[in-house]
Amino acid sequence: MTLRKRWRDLDRGTVGQAPERYGYYELGTDGDVVDRGVGVLRDELKEALAYGRADQVRWETATSKAHADRLLADHE
């Protein structure tokens, strides 16, 4: 199951708006999920942008790493 949130362009502006909190994220291309993960959202998205892993992103914030891991498990 994927997140039911709108896709955002994965660019510097979006990365700058990402919270410095743990969360679950999905990376996409043409509306299809190509990768997913957990971590501190801004850091993870900086890396994804630098390596050109996708064109789009959406995320859900979490209260802790354990919570982010549960979100990942719920969406796999």
N, C-alpha and C. Protein backbone atom coordinates (compact mmCIF):
# COMPACT_ATOMS: atom_id res chain seq x y z
N MET A 1 0.85 -1.18 0.00
CA MET A 1 0.00 0.00 0.00
C MET A 1 0.89 1.24 0.00
N THR A 2 0.53 2.22 -0.78
CA THR A 2 1.30 3.45 -0.85
C THR A 2 0.62 4.56 -0.05
N LEU A 3 1.35 5.64 0.17
CA LEU A 3 0.78 6.79 0.86
C LEU A 3 -0.31 7.43 0.00
N ARG A 4 -1.31 7.93 0.63
CA ARG A 4 -2.39 8.63 -0.07
C ARG A 4 -2.18 10.13 0.05
N LYS A 5 -1.03 10.55 -0.40
CA LYS A 5 -0.68 11.97 -0.40
C LYS A 5 -0.27 12.33 -1.82
N ARG A 6 -0.37 13.60 -2.13
CA ARG A 6 0.02 14.02 -3.48
C ARG A 6 1.55 14.00 -3.61
N TRP A 7 2.00 13.73 -4.83
CA TRP A 7 3.42 13.77 -5.12
C TRP A 7 3.89 15.22 -5.14
N ARG A 8 5.12 15.44 -4.72
CA ARG A 8 5.78 16.73 -4.83
C ARG A 8 6.99 16.53 -5.73
N ASP A 9 7.37 17.56 -6.47
CA ASP A 9 8.59 17.48 -7.25
C ASP A 9 9.76 17.35 -6.28
N LEU A 10 10.68 16.46 -6.60
CA LEU A 10 11.88 16.32 -5.77
C LEU A 10 12.90 17.32 -6.29
N ASP A 11 12.93 18.48 -5.62
CA ASP A 11 13.86 19.54 -5.99
C ASP A 11 14.35 20.23 -4.71
N ARG A 12 15.22 21.19 -4.88
CA ARG A 12 15.81 21.86 -3.71
C ARG A 12 14.75 22.52 -2.83
N GLY A 13 13.73 23.09 -3.44
CA GLY A 13 12.68 23.73 -2.66
C GLY A 13 11.93 22.75 -1.78
N THR A 14 11.61 21.61 -2.34
CA THR A 14 10.89 20.59 -1.57
C THR A 14 11.77 20.04 -0.45
N VAL A 15 13.04 19.80 -0.78
CA VAL A 15 13.97 19.31 0.25
C VAL A 15 14.08 20.33 1.38
N GLY A 16 14.13 21.61 1.04
CA GLY A 16 14.20 22.66 2.06
C GLY A 16 12.96 22.73 2.94
N GLN A 17 11.81 22.30 2.41
CA GLN A 17 10.57 22.30 3.18
C GLN A 17 10.39 21.04 4.01
N ALA A 18 11.18 20.02 3.72
CA ALA A 18 11.04 18.75 4.45
C ALA A 18 11.45 18.96 5.91
N PRO A 19 10.72 18.37 6.83
CA PRO A 19 11.06 18.54 8.24
C PRO A 19 12.33 17.77 8.61
N GLU A 20 13.00 18.28 9.61
CA GLU A 20 14.18 17.58 10.15
C GLU A 20 13.70 16.65 11.26
N ARG A 21 12.83 15.72 10.86
CA ARG A 21 12.24 14.75 11.78
C ARG A 21 12.25 13.40 11.08
N TYR A 22 12.14 12.37 11.91
CA TYR A 22 12.02 11.04 11.34
C TYR A 22 10.71 10.93 10.58
N GLY A 23 10.74 10.09 9.56
CA GLY A 23 9.54 9.84 8.80
C GLY A 23 9.74 8.72 7.81
N TYR A 24 8.65 8.39 7.16
CA TYR A 24 8.62 7.41 6.08
C TYR A 24 8.45 8.20 4.78
N TYR A 25 9.18 7.82 3.74
CA TYR A 25 9.07 8.53 2.46
C TYR A 25 8.99 7.56 1.30
N GLU A 26 8.38 8.03 0.24
CA GLU A 26 8.32 7.29 -1.01
C GLU A 26 8.89 8.18 -2.11
N LEU A 27 9.77 7.60 -2.92
CA LEU A 27 10.32 8.30 -4.07
C LEU A 27 9.62 7.76 -5.30
N GLY A 28 9.34 8.63 -6.27
CA GLY A 28 8.61 8.19 -7.44
C GLY A 28 9.12 8.79 -8.73
N THR A 29 8.73 8.14 -9.81
CA THR A 29 8.95 8.61 -11.17
C THR A 29 7.66 8.36 -11.94
N ASP A 30 7.14 9.38 -12.57
CA ASP A 30 5.89 9.28 -13.33
C ASP A 30 4.75 8.70 -12.49
N GLY A 31 4.72 9.04 -11.20
CA GLY A 31 3.64 8.59 -10.32
C GLY A 31 3.76 7.18 -9.81
N ASP A 32 4.85 6.49 -10.14
CA ASP A 32 5.09 5.13 -9.66
C ASP A 32 6.16 5.15 -8.57
N VAL A 33 5.95 4.40 -7.50
CA VAL A 33 6.92 4.31 -6.42
C VAL A 33 8.13 3.51 -6.91
N VAL A 34 9.32 4.13 -6.81
CA VAL A 34 10.55 3.44 -7.21
C VAL A 34 11.44 3.10 -6.02
N ASP A 35 11.17 3.73 -4.88
CA ASP A 35 11.96 3.45 -3.67
C ASP A 35 11.18 3.99 -2.48
N ARG A 36 11.46 3.45 -1.32
CA ARG A 36 10.86 3.93 -0.08
C ARG A 36 11.86 3.72 1.03
N GLY A 37 11.67 4.45 2.12
CA GLY A 37 12.60 4.30 3.22
C GLY A 37 12.18 5.11 4.43
N VAL A 38 13.03 5.09 5.44
CA VAL A 38 12.80 5.85 6.66
C VAL A 38 14.09 6.55 7.05
N GLY A 39 13.96 7.59 7.81
CA GLY A 39 15.11 8.34 8.30
C GLY A 39 14.70 9.76 8.58
N VAL A 40 15.69 10.59 8.87
CA VAL A 40 15.43 12.02 9.04
C VAL A 40 15.13 12.55 7.64
N LEU A 41 13.92 13.02 7.45
CA LEU A 41 13.41 13.29 6.11
C LEU A 41 14.30 14.23 5.30
N ARG A 42 14.69 15.35 5.85
CA ARG A 42 15.50 16.30 5.06
C ARG A 42 16.81 15.66 4.63
N ASP A 43 17.45 14.92 5.51
CA ASP A 43 18.72 14.26 5.16
C ASP A 43 18.52 13.21 4.07
N GLU A 44 17.48 12.40 4.20
CA GLU A 44 17.20 11.36 3.21
C GLU A 44 16.88 11.96 1.84
N LEU A 45 16.12 13.05 1.83
CA LEU A 45 15.74 13.66 0.56
C LEU A 45 16.90 14.40 -0.09
N LYS A 46 17.80 14.97 0.71
CA LYS A 46 19.01 15.58 0.16
C LYS A 46 19.81 14.53 -0.59
N GLU A 47 19.96 13.37 0.01
CA GLU A 47 20.70 12.28 -0.62
C GLU A 47 20.01 11.80 -1.89
N ALA A 48 18.70 11.64 -1.83
CA ALA A 48 17.95 11.18 -3.01
C ALA A 48 18.08 12.18 -4.16
N LEU A 49 18.03 13.47 -3.84
CA LEU A 49 18.17 14.50 -4.86
C LEU A 49 19.58 14.49 -5.44
N ALA A 50 20.58 14.38 -4.58
CA ALA A 50 21.98 14.39 -5.04
C ALA A 50 22.28 13.22 -5.97
N TYR A 51 21.69 12.07 -5.70
CA TYR A 51 21.96 10.89 -6.51
C TYR A 51 20.95 10.68 -7.63
N GLY A 52 19.98 11.58 -7.77
CA GLY A 52 19.02 11.50 -8.86
C GLY A 52 18.19 10.23 -8.86
N ARG A 53 17.81 9.78 -7.67
CA ARG A 53 17.11 8.50 -7.55
C ARG A 53 15.65 8.56 -7.98
N ALA A 54 15.07 9.76 -8.10
CA ALA A 54 13.65 9.89 -8.46
C ALA A 54 13.35 11.34 -8.82
N ASP A 55 12.14 11.56 -9.33
CA ASP A 55 11.70 12.90 -9.69
C ASP A 55 10.66 13.45 -8.73
N GLN A 56 10.05 12.56 -7.93
CA GLN A 56 8.94 12.96 -7.05
C GLN A 56 9.14 12.35 -5.67
N VAL A 57 8.46 12.95 -4.70
CA VAL A 57 8.54 12.45 -3.33
C VAL A 57 7.23 12.75 -2.60
N ARG A 58 6.93 11.92 -1.63
CA ARG A 58 5.86 12.18 -0.66
C ARG A 58 6.29 11.52 0.64
N TRP A 59 5.80 12.06 1.77
CA TRP A 59 6.25 11.54 3.05
C TRP A 59 5.19 11.66 4.13
N GLU A 60 5.46 10.94 5.21
CA GLU A 60 4.65 10.99 6.43
C GLU A 60 5.63 11.15 7.58
N THR A 61 5.44 12.17 8.42
CA THR A 61 6.34 12.35 9.55
C THR A 61 6.02 11.34 10.64
N ALA A 62 7.02 11.09 11.47
CA ALA A 62 6.89 10.13 12.57
C ALA A 62 7.40 10.78 13.85
N THR A 63 7.04 10.18 14.96
CA THR A 63 7.46 10.72 16.25
C THR A 63 8.81 10.16 16.70
N SER A 64 9.25 9.07 16.06
CA SER A 64 10.53 8.44 16.42
C SER A 64 10.97 7.52 15.30
N LYS A 65 12.18 7.00 15.39
CA LYS A 65 12.67 6.03 14.41
C LYS A 65 11.80 4.78 14.42
N ALA A 66 11.42 4.32 15.61
CA ALA A 66 10.57 3.12 15.72
C ALA A 66 9.22 3.36 15.03
N HIS A 67 8.66 4.55 15.21
CA HIS A 67 7.40 4.88 14.57
C HIS A 67 7.57 4.89 13.04
N ALA A 68 8.67 5.46 12.55
CA ALA A 68 8.95 5.48 11.12
C ALA A 68 9.08 4.06 10.57
N ASP A 69 9.74 3.20 11.33
CA ASP A 69 9.87 1.80 10.91
C ASP A 69 8.50 1.11 10.82
N ARG A 70 7.60 1.43 11.74
CA ARG A 70 6.25 0.86 11.69
C ARG A 70 5.49 1.37 10.46
N LEU A 71 5.67 2.65 10.13
CA LEU A 71 5.03 3.19 8.93
C LEU A 71 5.53 2.48 7.69
N LEU A 72 6.83 2.21 7.63
CA LEU A 72 7.39 1.47 6.51
C LEU A 72 6.77 0.09 6.42
N ALA A 73 6.70 -0.59 7.52
CA ALA A 73 6.11 -1.94 7.53
C ALA A 73 4.65 -1.90 7.10
N ASP A 74 3.93 -0.88 7.51
CA ASP A 74 2.51 -0.75 7.14
C ASP A 74 2.32 -0.52 5.65
N HIS A 75 3.31 0.09 5.00
CA HIS A 75 3.18 0.46 3.57
C HIS A 75 3.92 -0.48 2.63
N GLU A 76 4.48 -1.55 3.14
CA GLU A 76 5.16 -2.51 2.25
C GLU A 76 4.19 -3.53 1.75
